[in-house]
Amino acid sequence: MDSTLDTAVLFNSDDLKTLKDYVRWGASRFAEAQLTFGHGMASPLDEASYLVLKALHLPVDTPMTYWEANLTSDERETVTTLLIRRIIERKPAAYLTQEGWFAGLSFFVDERVLVPRSPIAELVESQFSPWVEPESVGTVLDLCTGSGCIGIACAYAFNHAQIDLADISKEAIEVANINIQRHDAQQQVMAIDSDLFEKIKGKQYDIIVSNPPYVDADDMSLLTEEFLHEPELGLSSGDQGLDLTLKILYQAADYLNDQGILVVEVGNSQYALQQQFPNVPFHWLEFERGGDGVFLLDKHQLQQFFV
């Protein structure tokens, strides 16, 4: 935080008293500073609410009656400092609190991994219905796992399945292992330092799910400061954003069981992928809570079009 910034006037002011006052003030300052909200929070108000509650050690579902409570002087300083850090450092809220949320679960995150925000969460919560029979799922691979959030959420969805988390980044694997410990999932989930399928030869899975890097060169050049705090390795994937996705498509069939499915998020690179493979029957998934650019193919389709 900028040491020259004097916030004492806010701490001594009678203008801001209640939890609600600080949420409103934070949202106004975030909008004024033209911050970017693309890391799980949709608006200045959402992010201000989250940060104020987090600073006060209150859950995100704190009843509205608490919002009229006055803050102590120490609480006012803690809250204001966190809100001002968000403006000055322009880091996503998840990095300031070292917490990200996925499929209703809390995960440790820092700048070694992307902030969880994939619409795949909705698919995990529904146990990949109607694409698999949940009781038949015994193995899942979360490829390009980052924080491990997708794979660990799958461990909750399929509590009898064995889950592998794979990532080329040793730093991401460190974070994934923190989250395996946090969720007490050591008996069910294993993190593997692997360049895609390189170190999982011979294994086959009922589900391979991946949120690989998919940002194309043009979009990389336009990223706002918030996104620049994330590891480039987790974002950039060549001129069209498809470098990693193409490698997955041409290898995945060998690692799927006969009835297995592949689910991959490609975001805005969806259109480049469709143009490159106009005859492939990508099933583009729809999500009630928003989000797009996620396709599903089964093993037989992969064998037919990617050999």
C-alpha atoms as a PDB file:
ATOM      1  CA  MET A   1       0.000   0.000   0.000  1.00  0.00           C
ATOM      2  CA  ASP A   2       1.202   3.541  -0.768  1.00  0.00           C
ATOM      3  CA  SER A   3       2.716   4.809   2.485  1.00  0.00           C
ATOM      4  CA  THR A   4       1.924   8.374   1.461  1.00  0.00           C
ATOM      5  CA  LEU A   5      -1.802   7.694   1.519  1.00  0.00           C
ATOM      6  CA  ASP A   6      -3.264   9.109   4.707  1.00  0.00           C
ATOM      7  CA  THR A   7      -6.531   7.436   5.632  1.00  0.00           C
ATOM      8  CA  ALA A   8      -6.732   8.864   9.145  1.00  0.00           C
ATOM      9  CA  VAL A   9      -9.430  11.325   8.102  1.00  0.00           C
ATOM     10  CA  LEU A  10     -11.675   8.380   7.285  1.00  0.00           C
ATOM     11  CA  PHE A  11     -11.058   6.723  10.622  1.00  0.00           C
ATOM     12  CA  ASN A  12     -11.924   9.905  12.514  1.00  0.00           C
ATOM     13  CA  SER A  13     -14.861  10.836  10.358  1.00  0.00           C
ATOM     14  CA  ASP A  14     -18.446  10.497  11.490  1.00  0.00           C
ATOM     15  CA  ASP A  15     -19.531  10.055   7.875  1.00  0.00           C
ATOM     16  CA  LEU A  16     -18.996   6.281   7.783  1.00  0.00           C
ATOM     17  CA  LYS A  17     -20.319   4.253  10.704  1.00  0.00           C
ATOM     18  CA  THR A  18     -22.097   1.071   9.724  1.00  0.00           C
ATOM     19  CA  LEU A  19     -21.112  -1.974   7.738  1.00  0.00           C
ATOM     20  CA  LYS A  20     -23.521  -0.801   5.054  1.00  0.00           C
ATOM     21  CA  ASP A  21     -21.833   2.615   4.957  1.00  0.00           C
ATOM     22  CA  TYR A  22     -18.474   1.014   4.178  1.00  0.00           C
ATOM     23  CA  VAL A  23     -19.911  -1.245   1.489  1.00  0.00           C
ATOM     24  CA  ARG A  24     -21.511   1.753  -0.215  1.00  0.00           C
ATOM     25  CA  TRP A  25     -18.330   3.841   0.152  1.00  0.00           C
ATOM     26  CA  GLY A  26     -16.160   1.039  -1.209  1.00  0.00           C
ATOM     27  CA  ALA A  27     -18.436   0.437  -4.191  1.00  0.00           C
ATOM     28  CA  SER A  28     -18.412   4.158  -5.007  1.00  0.00           C
ATOM     29  CA  ARG A  29     -14.624   4.376  -4.791  1.00  0.00           C
ATOM     30  CA  PHE A  30     -14.189   1.216  -6.906  1.00  0.00           C
ATOM     31  CA  ALA A  31     -16.441   2.630  -9.619  1.00  0.00           C
ATOM     32  CA  GLU A  32     -14.651   5.968  -9.444  1.00  0.00           C
ATOM     33  CA  ALA A  33     -11.278   4.229  -9.871  1.00  0.00           C
ATOM     34  CA  GLN A  34     -12.638   2.254 -12.857  1.00  0.00           C
ATOM     35  CA  LEU A  35     -11.475  -1.067 -11.491  1.00  0.00           C
ATOM     36  CA  THR A  36     -11.980  -4.230 -13.532  1.00  0.00           C
ATOM     37  CA  PHE A  37     -14.292  -6.951 -12.197  1.00  0.00           C
ATOM     38  CA  GLY A  38     -13.747 -10.244 -13.953  1.00  0.00           C
ATOM     39  CA  HIS A  39     -12.566 -12.579 -11.223  1.00  0.00           C
ATOM     40  CA  GLY A  40     -15.784 -13.975  -9.842  1.00  0.00           C
ATOM     41  CA  MET A  41     -17.283 -10.618  -8.881  1.00  0.00           C
ATOM     42  CA  ALA A  42     -19.705  -8.944 -11.262  1.00  0.00           C
ATOM     43  CA  SER A  43     -19.739  -5.361  -9.990  1.00  0.00           C
ATOM     44  CA  PRO A  44     -18.148  -2.802  -7.646  1.00  0.00           C
ATOM     45  CA  LEU A  45     -20.933  -3.463  -5.144  1.00  0.00           C
ATOM     46  CA  ASP A  46     -20.344  -7.226  -5.138  1.00  0.00           C
ATOM     47  CA  GLU A  47     -16.625  -6.834  -4.576  1.00  0.00           C
ATOM     48  CA  ALA A  48     -17.001  -4.137  -1.909  1.00  0.00           C
ATOM     49  CA  SER A  49     -19.500  -6.308  -0.044  1.00  0.00           C
ATOM     50  CA  TYR A  50     -17.188  -9.305  -0.159  1.00  0.00           C
ATOM     51  CA  LEU A  51     -14.127  -7.368   1.018  1.00  0.00           C
ATOM     52  CA  VAL A  52     -15.928  -5.602   3.851  1.00  0.00           C
ATOM     53  CA  LEU A  53     -17.404  -8.866   5.152  1.00  0.00           C
ATOM     54  CA  LYS A  54     -14.066 -10.652   4.781  1.00  0.00           C
ATOM     55  CA  ALA A  55     -12.249  -7.909   6.691  1.00  0.00           C
ATOM     56  CA  LEU A  56     -14.766  -8.276   9.518  1.00  0.00           C
ATOM     57  CA  HIS A  57     -14.523 -12.100   9.551  1.00  0.00           C
ATOM     58  CA  LEU A  58     -18.174 -12.397   8.605  1.00  0.00           C
ATOM     59  CA  PRO A  59     -19.631 -14.954   6.164  1.00  0.00           C
ATOM     60  CA  VAL A  60     -20.818 -13.881   2.738  1.00  0.00           C
ATOM     61  CA  ASP A  61     -24.396 -14.735   3.735  1.00  0.00           C
ATOM     62  CA  THR A  62     -24.396 -12.463   6.807  1.00  0.00           C
ATOM     63  CA  PRO A  63     -28.038 -11.421   7.515  1.00  0.00           C
ATOM     64  CA  MET A  64     -28.932  -7.897   6.460  1.00  0.00           C
ATOM     65  CA  THR A  65     -29.749  -6.951  10.065  1.00  0.00           C
ATOM     66  CA  TYR A  66     -26.004  -6.910  10.794  1.00  0.00           C
ATOM     67  CA  TRP A  67     -25.422  -4.356   8.065  1.00  0.00           C
ATOM     68  CA  GLU A  68     -26.743  -1.589  10.318  1.00  0.00           C
ATOM     69  CA  ALA A  69     -24.179  -2.377  13.035  1.00  0.00           C
ATOM     70  CA  ASN A  70     -21.583   0.296  13.812  1.00  0.00           C
ATOM     71  CA  LEU A  71     -17.922  -0.607  13.281  1.00  0.00           C
ATOM     72  CA  THR A  72     -15.332  -0.096  15.997  1.00  0.00           C
ATOM     73  CA  SER A  73     -12.401   2.188  15.275  1.00  0.00           C
ATOM     74  CA  ASP A  74     -10.100  -0.795  14.706  1.00  0.00           C
ATOM     75  CA  GLU A  75     -12.611  -2.395  12.367  1.00  0.00           C
ATOM     76  CA  ARG A  76     -12.983   0.842  10.442  1.00  0.00           C
ATOM     77  CA  GLU A  77      -9.237   0.998   9.878  1.00  0.00           C
ATOM     78  CA  THR A  78      -9.017  -2.659   8.844  1.00  0.00           C
ATOM     79  CA  VAL A  79     -11.896  -2.358   6.391  1.00  0.00           C
ATOM     80  CA  THR A  80     -10.735   0.904   4.879  1.00  0.00           C
ATOM     81  CA  THR A  81      -7.165  -0.309   4.463  1.00  0.00           C
ATOM     82  CA  LEU A  82      -8.345  -3.376   2.552  1.00  0.00           C
ATOM     83  CA  LEU A  83     -10.633  -1.356   0.293  1.00  0.00           C
ATOM     84  CA  ILE A  84      -7.887   1.151  -0.474  1.00  0.00           C
ATOM     85  CA  ARG A  85      -5.419  -1.654  -1.211  1.00  0.00           C
ATOM     86  CA  ARG A  86      -7.856  -2.910  -3.843  1.00  0.00           C
ATOM     87  CA  ILE A  87      -7.773   0.499  -5.521  1.00  0.00           C
ATOM     88  CA  ILE A  88      -4.034   1.155  -5.294  1.00  0.00           C
ATOM     89  CA  GLU A  89      -2.688  -2.325  -6.017  1.00  0.00           C
ATOM     90  CA  ARG A  90      -5.445  -3.205  -8.512  1.00  0.00           C
ATOM     91  CA  LYS A  91      -5.219  -6.830  -7.482  1.00  0.00           C
ATOM     92  CA  PRO A  92      -8.294  -9.049  -7.703  1.00  0.00           C
ATOM     93  CA  ALA A  93     -10.028  -9.378  -4.350  1.00  0.00           C
ATOM     94  CA  ALA A  94      -9.129 -13.072  -4.201  1.00  0.00           C
ATOM     95  CA  TYR A  95      -5.414 -12.253  -4.102  1.00  0.00           C
ATOM     96  CA  LEU A  96      -5.912  -9.707  -1.327  1.00  0.00           C
ATOM     97  CA  THR A  97      -7.807 -12.221   0.817  1.00  0.00           C
ATOM     98  CA  GLN A  98      -6.015 -15.354  -0.486  1.00  0.00           C
ATOM     99  CA  GLU A  99      -9.388 -16.961  -1.002  1.00  0.00           C
ATOM    100  CA  GLY A 100     -11.307 -17.923  -4.114  1.00  0.00           C
ATOM    101  CA  TRP A 101     -14.669 -19.635  -4.432  1.00  0.00           C
ATOM    102  CA  PHE A 102     -15.668 -22.409  -6.806  1.00  0.00           C
ATOM    103  CA  ALA A 103     -18.812 -24.565  -6.760  1.00  0.00           C
ATOM    104  CA  GLY A 104     -19.660 -23.154  -3.341  1.00  0.00           C
ATOM    105  CA  LEU A 105     -16.282 -24.184  -1.893  1.00  0.00           C
ATOM    106  CA  SER A 106     -13.485 -22.014  -0.536  1.00  0.00           C
ATOM    107  CA  PHE A 107      -9.981 -22.391  -1.967  1.00  0.00           C
ATOM    108  CA  PHE A 108      -6.598 -20.884  -1.126  1.00  0.00           C
ATOM    109  CA  VAL A 109      -5.296 -18.788  -4.017  1.00  0.00           C
ATOM    110  CA  ASP A 110      -2.394 -16.452  -4.594  1.00  0.00           C
ATOM    111  CA  GLU A 111      -0.587 -15.078  -7.625  1.00  0.00           C
ATOM    112  CA  ARG A 112       0.845 -18.486  -8.510  1.00  0.00           C
ATOM    113  CA  VAL A 113      -2.551 -19.506  -9.933  1.00  0.00           C
ATOM    114  CA  LEU A 114      -5.553 -18.023 -11.700  1.00  0.00           C
ATOM    115  CA  VAL A 115      -8.507 -16.862  -9.639  1.00  0.00           C
ATOM    116  CA  PRO A 116     -11.295 -19.503  -9.880  1.00  0.00           C
ATOM    117  CA  ARG A 117     -14.185 -18.288 -12.037  1.00  0.00           C
ATOM    118  CA  SER A 118     -15.067 -21.017 -14.532  1.00  0.00           C
ATOM    119  CA  PRO A 119     -18.697 -21.786 -15.443  1.00  0.00           C
ATOM    120  CA  ILE A 120     -17.635 -25.437 -15.234  1.00  0.00           C
ATOM    121  CA  ALA A 121     -18.555 -25.113 -11.537  1.00  0.00           C
ATOM    122  CA  GLU A 122     -22.197 -25.445 -12.512  1.00  0.00           C
ATOM    123  CA  LEU A 123     -21.443 -28.635 -14.431  1.00  0.00           C
ATOM    124  CA  VAL A 124     -19.582 -30.126 -11.462  1.00  0.00           C
ATOM    125  CA  GLU A 125     -22.446 -29.285  -9.115  1.00  0.00           C
ATOM    126  CA  SER A 126     -24.835 -31.185 -11.412  1.00  0.00           C
ATOM    127  CA  GLN A 127     -22.422 -34.176 -11.521  1.00  0.00           C
ATOM    128  CA  PHE A 128     -21.965 -33.616 -15.270  1.00  0.00           C
ATOM    129  CA  SER A 129     -25.598 -34.557 -15.840  1.00  0.00           C
ATOM    130  CA  PRO A 130     -26.876 -35.814 -18.243  1.00  0.00           C
ATOM    131  CA  TRP A 131     -23.545 -36.767 -19.805  1.00  0.00           C
ATOM    132  CA  VAL A 132     -22.498 -39.414 -17.274  1.00  0.00           C
ATOM    133  CA  GLU A 133     -24.096 -41.727 -14.748  1.00  0.00           C
ATOM    134  CA  PRO A 134     -22.681 -40.382 -11.447  1.00  0.00           C
ATOM    135  CA  GLU A 135     -22.375 -43.798  -9.816  1.00  0.00           C
ATOM    136  CA  SER A 136     -20.286 -45.030 -12.764  1.00  0.00           C
ATOM    137  CA  VAL A 137     -17.635 -42.305 -12.436  1.00  0.00           C
ATOM    138  CA  GLY A 138     -14.543 -43.809 -10.866  1.00  0.00           C
ATOM    139  CA  THR A 139     -11.743 -41.635 -12.255  1.00  0.00           C
ATOM    140  CA  VAL A 140     -11.476 -37.933 -13.123  1.00  0.00           C
ATOM    141  CA  LEU A 141      -8.572 -35.897 -14.487  1.00  0.00           C
ATOM    142  CA  ASP A 142      -8.467 -32.132 -13.961  1.00  0.00           C
ATOM    143  CA  LEU A 143      -5.976 -31.058 -16.633  1.00  0.00           C
ATOM    144  CA  CYS A 144      -4.245 -27.659 -16.280  1.00  0.00           C
ATOM    145  CA  THR A 145      -5.587 -27.655 -12.740  1.00  0.00           C
ATOM    146  CA  GLY A 146      -4.138 -24.420 -11.337  1.00  0.00           C
ATOM    147  CA  SER A 147      -5.457 -24.139  -7.782  1.00  0.00           C
ATOM    148  CA  GLY A 148      -7.043 -27.581  -8.034  1.00  0.00           C
ATOM    149  CA  CYS A 149     -10.530 -26.176  -7.598  1.00  0.00           C
ATOM    150  CA  ILE A 150     -12.221 -28.105 -10.418  1.00  0.00           C
ATOM    151  CA  GLY A 151     -10.756 -31.472  -9.464  1.00  0.00           C
ATOM    152  CA  ILE A 152     -11.328 -31.046  -5.733  1.00  0.00           C
ATOM    153  CA  ALA A 153     -14.923 -29.980  -6.389  1.00  0.00           C
ATOM    154  CA  CYS A 154     -15.255 -33.173  -8.466  1.00  0.00           C
ATOM    155  CA  ALA A 155     -14.143 -35.124  -5.381  1.00  0.00           C
ATOM    156  CA  TYR A 156     -17.194 -33.754  -3.581  1.00  0.00           C
ATOM    157  CA  ALA A 157     -19.450 -34.520  -6.547  1.00  0.00           C
ATOM    158  CA  PHE A 158     -18.122 -38.081  -6.969  1.00  0.00           C
ATOM    159  CA  ASN A 159     -17.067 -39.105  -3.490  1.00  0.00           C
ATOM    160  CA  HIS A 160     -15.989 -42.605  -4.561  1.00  0.00           C
ATOM    161  CA  ALA A 161     -13.878 -41.456  -7.520  1.00  0.00           C
ATOM    162  CA  GLN A 162     -10.114 -41.044  -7.667  1.00  0.00           C
ATOM    163  CA  ILE A 163      -9.143 -37.592  -8.900  1.00  0.00           C
ATOM    164  CA  ASP A 164      -5.863 -36.559 -10.532  1.00  0.00           C
ATOM    165  CA  LEU A 165      -4.846 -32.910 -10.827  1.00  0.00           C
ATOM    166  CA  ALA A 166      -2.213 -32.156 -13.484  1.00  0.00           C
ATOM    167  CA  ASP A 167      -0.354 -28.932 -14.265  1.00  0.00           C
ATOM    168  CA  ILE A 168       2.937 -27.989 -15.897  1.00  0.00           C
ATOM    169  CA  SER A 169       3.517 -25.276 -13.280  1.00  0.00           C
ATOM    170  CA  LYS A 170       5.302 -26.496 -10.168  1.00  0.00           C
ATOM    171  CA  GLU A 171       4.016 -23.405  -8.365  1.00  0.00           C
ATOM    172  CA  ALA A 172       0.430 -24.292  -9.283  1.00  0.00           C
ATOM    173  CA  ILE A 173       0.965 -27.823  -7.976  1.00  0.00           C
ATOM    174  CA  GLU A 174       2.146 -26.316  -4.677  1.00  0.00           C
ATOM    175  CA  VAL A 175      -1.121 -24.393  -4.404  1.00  0.00           C
ATOM    176  CA  ALA A 176      -3.164 -27.420  -5.457  1.00  0.00           C
ATOM    177  CA  ASN A 177      -1.527 -29.457  -2.679  1.00  0.00           C
ATOM    178  CA  ILE A 178      -2.425 -26.747  -0.166  1.00  0.00           C
ATOM    179  CA  ASN A 179      -6.035 -27.082  -1.257  1.00  0.00           C
ATOM    180  CA  ILE A 180      -5.958 -30.880  -1.137  1.00  0.00           C
ATOM    181  CA  GLN A 181      -4.871 -30.552   2.491  1.00  0.00           C
ATOM    182  CA  ARG A 182      -7.440 -27.839   3.201  1.00  0.00           C
ATOM    183  CA  HIS A 183     -10.241 -30.108   1.970  1.00  0.00           C
ATOM    184  CA  ASP A 184      -8.781 -33.212   3.652  1.00  0.00           C
ATOM    185  CA  ALA A 185      -8.831 -34.946   0.279  1.00  0.00           C
ATOM    186  CA  GLN A 186      -5.448 -36.697   0.367  1.00  0.00           C
ATOM    187  CA  GLN A 187      -7.021 -40.161   0.093  1.00  0.00           C
ATOM    188  CA  GLN A 188      -8.978 -39.231  -3.010  1.00  0.00           C
ATOM    189  CA  VAL A 189      -7.029 -36.522  -4.852  1.00  0.00           C
ATOM    190  CA  MET A 190      -3.433 -36.455  -6.128  1.00  0.00           C
ATOM    191  CA  ALA A 191      -1.579 -33.554  -7.764  1.00  0.00           C
ATOM    192  CA  ILE A 192       0.849 -34.390 -10.584  1.00  0.00           C
ATOM    193  CA  ASP A 193       3.504 -32.086 -12.047  1.00  0.00           C
ATOM    194  CA  SER A 194       2.904 -32.879 -15.722  1.00  0.00           C
ATOM    195  CA  ASP A 195       3.015 -31.179 -19.118  1.00  0.00           C
ATOM    196  CA  LEU A 196      -0.507 -32.200 -20.152  1.00  0.00           C
ATOM    197  CA  PHE A 197      -0.524 -36.044 -20.300  1.00  0.00           C
ATOM    198  CA  GLU A 198       3.255 -36.489 -20.168  1.00  0.00           C
ATOM    199  CA  LYS A 199       3.453 -38.027 -16.689  1.00  0.00           C
ATOM    200  CA  ILE A 200       0.146 -39.889 -16.653  1.00  0.00           C
ATOM    201  CA  LYS A 201       0.920 -42.397 -19.399  1.00  0.00           C
ATOM    202  CA  GLY A 202      -1.190 -45.525 -19.261  1.00  0.00           C
ATOM    203  CA  LYS A 203      -4.024 -44.029 -17.206  1.00  0.00           C
ATOM    204  CA  GLN A 204      -7.591 -43.698 -18.417  1.00  0.00           C
ATOM    205  CA  TYR A 205     -10.443 -41.630 -17.010  1.00  0.00           C
ATOM    206  CA  ASP A 206     -14.212 -41.447 -17.089  1.00  0.00           C
ATOM    207  CA  ILE A 207     -14.032 -37.638 -17.223  1.00  0.00           C
ATOM    208  CA  ILE A 208     -11.243 -35.350 -18.364  1.00  0.00           C
ATOM    209  CA  VAL A 209     -12.102 -31.756 -17.551  1.00  0.00           C
ATOM    210  CA  SER A 210      -9.856 -28.832 -18.372  1.00  0.00           C
ATOM    211  CA  ASN A 211      -9.745 -25.065 -18.118  1.00  0.00           C
ATOM    212  CA  PRO A 212      -6.485 -24.585 -20.043  1.00  0.00           C
ATOM    213  CA  PRO A 213      -4.880 -21.318 -21.110  1.00  0.00           C
ATOM    214  CA  TYR A 214      -7.011 -19.976 -23.961  1.00  0.00           C
ATOM    215  CA  VAL A 215      -6.439 -16.214 -24.283  1.00  0.00           C
ATOM    216  CA  ASP A 216      -5.370 -15.237 -27.790  1.00  0.00           C
ATOM    217  CA  ALA A 217      -2.610 -12.773 -28.627  1.00  0.00           C
ATOM    218  CA  ASP A 218      -4.955  -9.866 -29.314  1.00  0.00           C
ATOM    219  CA  ASP A 219      -6.807 -10.268 -26.031  1.00  0.00           C
ATOM    220  CA  MET A 220      -3.533 -10.704 -24.110  1.00  0.00           C
ATOM    221  CA  SER A 221      -2.456  -7.273 -25.366  1.00  0.00           C
ATOM    222  CA  LEU A 222      -5.675  -5.745 -23.987  1.00  0.00           C
ATOM    223  CA  LEU A 223      -5.648  -7.237 -20.484  1.00  0.00           C
ATOM    224  CA  THR A 224      -6.317  -4.760 -17.688  1.00  0.00           C
ATOM    225  CA  GLU A 225      -4.044  -4.438 -14.689  1.00  0.00           C
ATOM    226  CA  GLU A 226      -6.083  -6.844 -12.576  1.00  0.00           C
ATOM    227  CA  PHE A 227      -5.527  -9.671 -15.066  1.00  0.00           C
ATOM    228  CA  LEU A 228      -1.800  -8.897 -15.303  1.00  0.00           C
ATOM    229  CA  HIS A 229      -1.436 -10.041 -11.693  1.00  0.00           C
ATOM    230  CA  GLU A 230      -2.345 -13.551 -12.850  1.00  0.00           C
ATOM    231  CA  PRO A 231       0.360 -15.902 -14.214  1.00  0.00           C
ATOM    232  CA  GLU A 232       0.737 -15.495 -17.974  1.00  0.00           C
ATOM    233  CA  LEU A 233       1.322 -19.256 -18.199  1.00  0.00           C
ATOM    234  CA  GLY A 234      -2.282 -19.773 -17.121  1.00  0.00           C
ATOM    235  CA  LEU A 235      -3.724 -17.359 -19.688  1.00  0.00           C
ATOM    236  CA  SER A 236      -1.778 -17.131 -22.941  1.00  0.00           C
ATOM    237  CA  SER A 237      -2.111 -19.844 -25.592  1.00  0.00           C
ATOM    238  CA  GLY A 238      -0.786 -18.554 -28.897  1.00  0.00           C
ATOM    239  CA  ASP A 239      -2.150 -16.328 -31.642  1.00  0.00           C
ATOM    240  CA  GLN A 240      -5.629 -17.880 -31.641  1.00  0.00           C
ATOM    241  CA  GLY A 241      -5.706 -19.031 -28.029  1.00  0.00           C
ATOM    242  CA  LEU A 242      -5.817 -22.671 -29.102  1.00  0.00           C
ATOM    243  CA  ASP A 243      -2.264 -23.996 -28.682  1.00  0.00           C
ATOM    244  CA  LEU A 244      -3.023 -26.048 -25.555  1.00  0.00           C
ATOM    245  CA  THR A 245      -6.542 -26.967 -26.601  1.00  0.00           C
ATOM    246  CA  LEU A 246      -5.335 -28.533 -29.862  1.00  0.00           C
ATOM    247  CA  LYS A 247      -2.795 -30.661 -28.013  1.00  0.00           C
ATOM    248  CA  ILE A 248      -5.529 -31.853 -25.658  1.00  0.00           C
ATOM    249  CA  LEU A 249      -7.892 -32.689 -28.511  1.00  0.00           C
ATOM    250  CA  TYR A 250      -5.316 -34.808 -30.332  1.00  0.00           C
ATOM    251  CA  GLN A 251      -4.264 -36.744 -27.224  1.00  0.00           C
ATOM    252  CA  ALA A 252      -7.318 -37.030 -24.984  1.00  0.00           C
ATOM    253  CA  ALA A 253      -8.918 -40.114 -26.551  1.00  0.00           C
ATOM    254  CA  ASP A 254      -5.984 -42.267 -25.412  1.00  0.00           C
ATOM    255  CA  TYR A 255      -6.692 -41.281 -21.825  1.00  0.00           C
ATOM    256  CA  LEU A 256     -10.468 -41.797 -21.773  1.00  0.00           C
ATOM    257  CA  ASN A 257     -12.382 -44.953 -20.928  1.00  0.00           C
ATOM    258  CA  ASP A 258     -14.760 -46.208 -23.623  1.00  0.00           C
ATOM    259  CA  GLN A 259     -17.688 -44.146 -22.328  1.00  0.00           C
ATOM    260  CA  GLY A 260     -15.491 -41.257 -21.225  1.00  0.00           C
ATOM    261  CA  ILE A 261     -16.059 -37.576 -21.943  1.00  0.00           C
ATOM    262  CA  LEU A 262     -13.799 -34.569 -22.438  1.00  0.00           C
ATOM    263  CA  VAL A 263     -14.932 -31.131 -21.212  1.00  0.00           C
ATOM    264  CA  VAL A 264     -12.804 -28.104 -22.096  1.00  0.00           C
ATOM    265  CA  GLU A 265     -13.270 -24.373 -21.569  1.00  0.00           C
ATOM    266  CA  VAL A 266     -11.952 -22.203 -24.399  1.00  0.00           C
ATOM    267  CA  GLY A 267     -13.750 -18.904 -23.742  1.00  0.00           C
ATOM    268  CA  ASN A 268     -13.676 -16.447 -26.629  1.00  0.00           C
ATOM    269  CA  SER A 269     -11.449 -18.826 -28.600  1.00  0.00           C
ATOM    270  CA  GLN A 270     -14.623 -20.851 -29.258  1.00  0.00           C
ATOM    271  CA  TYR A 271     -15.086 -19.068 -32.574  1.00  0.00           C
ATOM    272  CA  ALA A 272     -11.566 -19.750 -33.820  1.00  0.00           C
ATOM    273  CA  LEU A 273     -11.969 -23.407 -32.844  1.00  0.00           C
ATOM    274  CA  GLN A 274     -15.248 -23.741 -34.731  1.00  0.00           C
ATOM    275  CA  GLN A 275     -13.742 -22.116 -37.820  1.00  0.00           C
ATOM    276  CA  GLN A 276     -10.773 -24.466 -37.737  1.00  0.00           C
ATOM    277  CA  PHE A 277     -12.920 -27.593 -37.304  1.00  0.00           C
ATOM    278  CA  PRO A 278     -16.302 -26.856 -38.933  1.00  0.00           C
ATOM    279  CA  ASN A 279     -17.227 -30.552 -39.183  1.00  0.00           C
ATOM    280  CA  VAL A 280     -16.577 -31.468 -35.550  1.00  0.00           C
ATOM    281  CA  PRO A 281     -19.830 -31.784 -33.540  1.00  0.00           C
ATOM    282  CA  PHE A 282     -18.696 -29.788 -30.526  1.00  0.00           C
ATOM    283  CA  HIS A 283     -21.466 -29.717 -27.946  1.00  0.00           C
ATOM    284  CA  TRP A 284     -21.341 -26.206 -26.511  1.00  0.00           C
ATOM    285  CA  LEU A 285     -22.714 -26.295 -22.991  1.00  0.00           C
ATOM    286  CA  GLU A 286     -25.195 -23.757 -21.634  1.00  0.00           C
ATOM    287  CA  PHE A 287     -25.163 -22.502 -18.052  1.00  0.00           C
ATOM    288  CA  GLU A 288     -28.005 -21.076 -16.021  1.00  0.00           C
ATOM    289  CA  ARG A 289     -25.677 -18.732 -14.126  1.00  0.00           C
ATOM    290  CA  GLY A 290     -23.962 -17.439 -17.254  1.00  0.00           C
ATOM    291  CA  GLY A 291     -20.763 -18.264 -19.070  1.00  0.00           C
ATOM    292  CA  ASP A 292     -19.985 -19.891 -22.374  1.00  0.00           C
ATOM    293  CA  GLY A 293     -17.130 -21.271 -24.456  1.00  0.00           C
ATOM    294  CA  VAL A 294     -17.186 -24.754 -22.855  1.00  0.00           C
ATOM    295  CA  PHE A 295     -17.436 -27.780 -25.142  1.00  0.00           C
ATOM    296  CA  LEU A 296     -17.972 -31.502 -24.599  1.00  0.00           C
ATOM    297  CA  LEU A 297     -16.869 -34.397 -26.805  1.00  0.00           C
ATOM    298  CA  ASP A 298     -16.921 -38.120 -26.085  1.00  0.00           C
ATOM    299  CA  LYS A 299     -14.133 -40.590 -26.761  1.00  0.00           C
ATOM    300  CA  HIS A 300     -15.645 -41.854 -29.998  1.00  0.00           C
ATOM    301  CA  GLN A 301     -15.965 -38.343 -31.417  1.00  0.00           C
ATOM    302  CA  LEU A 302     -12.332 -37.641 -30.525  1.00  0.00           C
ATOM    303  CA  GLN A 303     -11.253 -40.833 -32.243  1.00  0.00           C
ATOM    304  CA  GLN A 304     -13.239 -39.926 -35.329  1.00  0.00           C
ATOM    305  CA  PHE A 305     -11.994 -36.362 -35.772  1.00  0.00           C
ATOM    306  CA  PHE A 306      -8.658 -36.151 -33.954  1.00  0.00           C
ATOM    307  CA  VAL A 307      -6.333 -38.994 -34.880  1.00  0.00           C
END
